[in-house]
Amino acid sequence: MLADIHNHSCLSPCGSLHLSPRRLIEIGSVRGLELMALTDHNSSLNCPAFAKISHEYGIIPLFGMEATTSEEIHILCLFTNLDASMAFSEYAYSILTPFINNPERTGDQVFVDEDDNIEGEVEYYLINPLDLSVDNIGAKVQEYGGIVIPAHVDRPAFSMTSQLGIVVDGPWAAVECVRIPPGLNGSPVDTLNFPLTTSSDAHYSEHVGRRPFVLDVDREELQPGGIGTEAKIDVLKRALGRRPRYILEH
């Protein structure tokens, strides 16, 4: 199936206020996506609306966030269970750097219902780092039943390579790249033989579905209960494990 597991909505201050969960799903459906994740910065507050709308369009939803570690590395934290995602979101907000957001300067941070009605606005600036290191985030997400994927490791900002110079080992279900094979400033990036994904990292409507990937799994296997039921996290992990790997010759 065609998958895109890194997308933002109007909750992310660096994204478009017009990219609601409904708009995200509508565009994804038109572009042939069958599996989508909503991963706003450090929060899952728009995931309840995303869950309801995905059922309308027959898209299998994943929930979570693009977390920012204390090193300012972006890590995708993904869940098949909405309640688990919301519980981790609450935990993440409790360890977010408490800097008040100024919407006029840094962007709106609104969460909405399935009909795009604004339900509230997040007080703390969601781009700031969590008090959680790259060494510990994987184990913490696993406590809540989720998986972790380092985001855009071949990007020169908010990535493992930009912050640490290398991709580090960890309990990663996969490693996300802008391009496969991954490169940075003309040099290859060693992804330690982890399975690789791409993503749209959509912040605006025109970004949705721009870099999807194929996940080798049947819908009935991943979501055996049918539309509107929870996908199987273990099946998702196995399917990600079948993604291509890039072996860097040393």
Protein backbone atom coordinates (compact mmCIF):
# COMPACT_ATOMS: atom_id res chain seq x y z
CA MET A 1 0.00 0.00 0.00
CA LEU A 2 1.03 3.61 -0.56
CA ALA A 3 2.03 5.21 2.74
CA ASP A 4 2.98 8.63 4.06
CA ILE A 5 3.77 8.65 7.77
CA HIS A 6 5.06 12.19 8.37
CA ASN A 7 2.50 14.98 8.03
CA HIS A 8 1.62 18.14 9.93
CA SER A 9 -1.61 20.07 10.40
CA CYS A 10 -2.80 23.46 11.63
CA LEU A 11 -1.54 22.52 15.09
CA SER A 12 2.08 22.91 13.98
CA PRO A 13 3.06 26.60 14.13
CA CYS A 14 5.34 26.31 11.10
CA GLY A 15 2.53 24.89 8.96
CA SER A 16 -0.54 26.23 7.23
CA LEU A 17 -3.59 27.16 9.27
CA HIS A 18 -5.62 25.82 6.34
CA LEU A 19 -4.15 22.30 6.56
CA SER A 20 -6.68 20.81 8.95
CA PRO A 21 -6.85 17.05 9.57
CA ARG A 22 -9.81 16.89 7.17
CA ARG A 23 -7.94 18.76 4.45
CA LEU A 24 -4.92 16.50 4.95
CA ILE A 25 -7.00 13.33 4.57
CA GLU A 26 -8.97 14.69 1.60
CA ILE A 27 -5.82 15.49 -0.37
CA GLY A 28 -4.13 12.26 0.66
CA SER A 29 -7.10 10.27 -0.57
CA VAL A 30 -7.07 12.02 -3.96
CA ARG A 31 -3.35 11.27 -4.26
CA GLY A 32 -3.82 7.57 -3.63
CA LEU A 33 -2.54 7.28 -0.08
CA GLU A 34 -3.85 4.27 1.85
CA LEU A 35 -1.91 4.70 5.11
CA MET A 36 -1.30 8.13 6.66
CA ALA A 37 0.10 9.43 9.93
CA LEU A 38 -0.49 12.78 11.59
CA THR A 39 2.72 13.89 13.29
CA ASP A 40 2.50 17.48 14.48
CA HIS A 41 5.37 18.93 16.47
CA ASN A 42 5.42 17.52 20.02
CA SER A 43 1.64 17.03 20.18
CA SER A 44 -1.15 14.65 19.11
CA LEU A 45 -4.06 16.98 19.85
CA ASN A 46 -5.37 16.89 16.28
CA CYS A 47 -5.25 13.08 16.13
CA PRO A 48 -8.82 12.50 17.43
CA ALA A 49 -10.24 14.46 14.49
CA PHE A 50 -7.77 12.74 12.16
CA ALA A 51 -9.00 9.33 13.37
CA LYS A 52 -12.66 10.10 12.65
CA ILE A 53 -11.99 11.55 9.20
CA SER A 54 -9.66 8.74 8.12
CA HIS A 55 -12.51 6.28 8.66
CA GLU A 56 -14.74 8.30 6.31
CA TYR A 57 -12.15 8.00 3.53
CA GLY A 58 -11.03 4.43 4.18
CA ILE A 59 -7.47 5.46 5.02
CA ILE A 60 -5.62 3.54 7.73
CA PRO A 61 -4.48 6.10 10.33
CA LEU A 62 -1.36 6.24 12.45
CA PHE A 63 -1.17 8.72 15.32
CA GLY A 64 1.70 10.45 17.04
CA MET A 65 4.06 13.35 16.70
CA GLU A 66 7.37 14.60 15.40
CA ALA A 67 9.12 14.91 18.74
CA THR A 68 12.11 17.19 19.27
CA THR A 69 14.72 15.70 21.57
CA SER A 70 16.90 17.71 23.93
CA GLU A 71 19.58 17.67 21.20
CA GLU A 72 17.01 19.22 18.79
CA ILE A 73 16.74 16.04 16.73
CA HIS A 74 13.38 15.26 15.17
CA ILE A 75 12.05 11.76 15.86
CA LEU A 76 8.75 10.37 14.58
CA CYS A 77 6.79 8.71 17.40
CA LEU A 78 4.02 6.56 15.91
CA PHE A 79 1.12 4.67 17.43
CA THR A 80 -1.71 2.58 16.07
CA ASN A 81 -3.74 3.18 19.23
CA LEU A 82 -5.23 6.68 19.57
CA ASP A 83 -5.43 6.59 23.36
CA ALA A 84 -1.76 5.63 23.63
CA SER A 85 -0.82 8.50 21.32
CA MET A 86 -2.84 10.96 23.41
CA ALA A 87 -1.28 9.70 26.64
CA PHE A 88 2.22 10.11 25.21
CA SER A 89 1.24 13.57 23.95
CA GLU A 90 0.22 14.57 27.46
CA TYR A 91 3.54 13.31 28.79
CA ALA A 92 5.48 15.15 26.08
CA TYR A 93 3.75 18.43 26.85
CA SER A 94 4.72 18.04 30.52
CA ILE A 95 8.41 17.99 29.55
CA LEU A 96 8.24 20.60 26.77
CA THR A 97 10.35 23.73 27.27
CA PRO A 98 7.75 26.14 28.77
CA PHE A 99 8.06 29.05 26.36
CA ILE A 100 4.77 30.84 25.64
CA ASN A 101 3.83 30.89 21.97
CA ASN A 102 3.20 34.22 20.25
CA PRO A 103 0.92 33.42 17.29
CA GLU A 104 1.59 36.73 15.54
CA ARG A 105 5.33 36.04 15.49
CA THR A 106 5.69 32.24 15.48
CA GLY A 107 2.39 30.92 14.11
CA ASP A 108 -0.93 29.53 15.28
CA GLN A 109 -1.18 26.26 17.21
CA VAL A 110 -4.84 25.29 17.01
CA PHE A 111 -6.51 21.94 17.46
CA VAL A 112 -9.84 21.29 15.77
CA ASP A 113 -12.71 18.82 15.54
CA GLU A 114 -13.55 16.72 12.49
CA ASP A 115 -15.53 19.62 11.00
CA ASP A 116 -12.63 22.11 11.29
CA ASN A 117 -14.13 23.93 14.26
CA ILE A 118 -11.38 25.28 16.52
CA GLU A 119 -11.50 23.64 19.93
CA GLY A 120 -8.51 25.36 21.47
CA GLU A 121 -4.98 26.64 21.10
CA VAL A 122 -1.80 25.28 22.67
CA GLU A 123 -0.07 27.67 25.06
CA TYR A 124 3.57 26.56 24.89
CA TYR A 125 5.56 26.88 21.67
CA LEU A 126 5.56 23.38 20.17
CA ILE A 127 8.79 23.72 18.21
CA ASN A 128 10.86 23.75 21.41
CA PRO A 129 12.71 20.61 22.57
CA LEU A 130 11.48 18.10 25.09
CA ASP A 131 13.48 17.22 28.17
CA LEU A 132 14.17 13.82 26.63
CA SER A 133 17.37 12.75 24.89
CA VAL A 134 17.79 10.75 21.70
CA ASP A 135 19.23 7.96 23.85
CA ASN A 136 16.00 7.66 25.86
CA ILE A 137 13.14 8.56 23.55
CA GLY A 138 12.87 5.14 21.94
CA ALA A 139 12.42 3.31 25.22
CA LYS A 140 9.93 5.90 26.45
CA VAL A 141 7.77 5.62 23.31
CA GLN A 142 7.89 1.84 23.55
CA GLU A 143 6.50 2.12 27.10
CA TYR A 144 3.38 3.63 25.52
CA GLY A 145 3.22 0.99 22.81
CA GLY A 146 4.66 2.98 19.92
CA ILE A 147 7.57 2.87 17.50
CA VAL A 148 10.23 5.47 16.65
CA ILE A 149 11.77 6.58 13.36
CA PRO A 150 14.48 9.27 13.13
CA ALA A 151 13.19 11.95 10.77
CA HIS A 152 14.88 13.25 7.60
CA VAL A 153 18.39 12.12 8.60
CA ASP A 154 19.82 13.55 5.37
CA ARG A 155 18.55 17.06 6.02
CA PRO A 156 20.92 19.81 7.28
CA ALA A 157 18.66 20.86 10.18
CA PHE A 158 16.91 19.11 13.08
CA SER A 159 18.34 15.74 12.06
CA MET A 160 20.80 13.29 13.53
CA THR A 161 23.43 14.27 10.99
CA SER A 162 22.97 18.00 11.55
CA GLN A 163 23.11 17.72 15.34
CA LEU A 164 25.45 14.76 15.90
CA GLY A 165 27.24 14.35 12.58
CA ILE A 166 26.10 10.73 12.21
CA VAL A 167 23.10 8.45 12.44
CA VAL A 168 23.28 6.76 15.84
CA ASP A 169 22.08 3.28 16.70
CA GLY A 170 18.81 2.84 18.57
CA PRO A 171 15.50 0.97 18.64
CA TRP A 172 14.51 2.48 15.31
CA ALA A 173 11.76 0.74 13.32
CA ALA A 174 13.16 2.49 10.23
CA VAL A 175 15.12 5.60 9.29
CA GLU A 176 13.47 8.39 7.29
CA CYS A 177 15.33 10.05 4.43
CA VAL A 178 14.50 12.82 2.03
CA ARG A 179 16.05 10.73 -0.76
CA ILE A 180 17.14 7.12 -1.16
CA PRO A 181 20.06 6.56 -1.14
CA PRO A 182 20.53 9.25 1.48
CA GLY A 183 23.12 11.94 1.00
CA LEU A 184 24.11 15.22 2.64
CA ASN A 185 26.12 17.95 0.88
CA GLY A 186 27.16 15.45 -1.78
CA SER A 187 28.31 12.81 0.71
CA PRO A 188 26.49 9.56 1.51
CA VAL A 189 24.88 9.15 4.92
CA ASP A 190 25.49 5.90 6.77
CA THR A 191 22.06 4.72 7.91
CA LEU A 192 23.47 1.66 9.70
CA ASN A 193 21.55 -0.80 7.53
CA PHE A 194 18.19 0.23 8.99
CA PRO A 195 15.17 -0.03 6.66
CA LEU A 196 14.49 3.28 4.94
CA THR A 197 11.37 5.33 4.35
CA THR A 198 10.67 8.64 2.69
CA SER A 199 7.95 11.10 3.63
CA SER A 200 6.18 14.24 2.53
CA ASP A 201 6.75 16.09 5.82
CA ALA A 202 3.73 18.08 4.69
CA HIS A 203 3.21 21.51 6.24
CA TYR A 204 1.09 22.92 3.40
CA SER A 205 -1.57 21.44 1.13
CA GLU A 206 0.75 21.25 -1.86
CA HIS A 207 3.18 19.09 0.15
CA VAL A 208 0.73 16.26 0.85
CA GLY A 209 1.71 13.06 -0.93
CA ARG A 210 4.87 14.46 -2.50
CA ARG A 211 7.21 11.70 -1.21
CA PRO A 212 5.19 8.61 -0.26
CA PHE A 213 6.61 5.09 -0.11
CA VAL A 214 5.30 1.59 -0.74
CA LEU A 215 4.69 -0.57 2.33
CA ASP A 216 4.71 -4.29 1.57
CA VAL A 217 1.64 -5.39 3.54
CA ASP A 218 -1.98 -6.32 2.84
CA ARG A 219 -4.70 -4.10 4.25
CA GLU A 220 -6.43 -7.13 5.76
CA GLU A 221 -3.23 -8.10 7.59
CA LEU A 222 -2.50 -4.61 8.89
CA GLN A 223 -6.10 -3.75 9.80
CA PRO A 224 -7.86 -7.12 10.18
CA GLY A 225 -10.94 -5.60 11.82
CA GLY A 226 -11.66 -3.44 8.78
CA ILE A 227 -12.07 0.32 8.38
CA GLY A 228 -12.46 2.13 11.67
CA THR A 229 -10.53 -0.44 13.70
CA GLU A 230 -7.03 -0.27 15.12
CA ALA A 231 -4.11 -1.32 12.94
CA LYS A 232 -1.67 -3.89 14.30
CA ILE A 233 1.60 -2.35 15.52
CA ASP A 234 3.53 -5.63 15.21
CA VAL A 235 2.40 -6.04 11.60
CA LEU A 236 3.44 -2.45 10.89
CA LYS A 237 6.90 -3.07 12.36
CA ARG A 238 7.40 -6.20 10.27
CA ALA A 239 6.29 -4.40 7.12
CA LEU A 240 8.70 -1.53 7.79
CA GLY A 241 11.42 -4.11 8.28
CA ARG A 242 10.92 -5.22 4.67
CA ARG A 243 11.72 -1.74 3.33
CA PRO A 244 14.96 -1.32 1.31
CA ARG A 245 18.19 -0.80 3.21
CA TYR A 246 21.23 1.18 2.17
CA ILE A 247 24.60 -0.36 2.95
CA LEU A 248 27.43 2.17 2.87
CA GLU A 249 30.70 0.71 1.68
CA HIS A 250 33.44 1.74 4.11
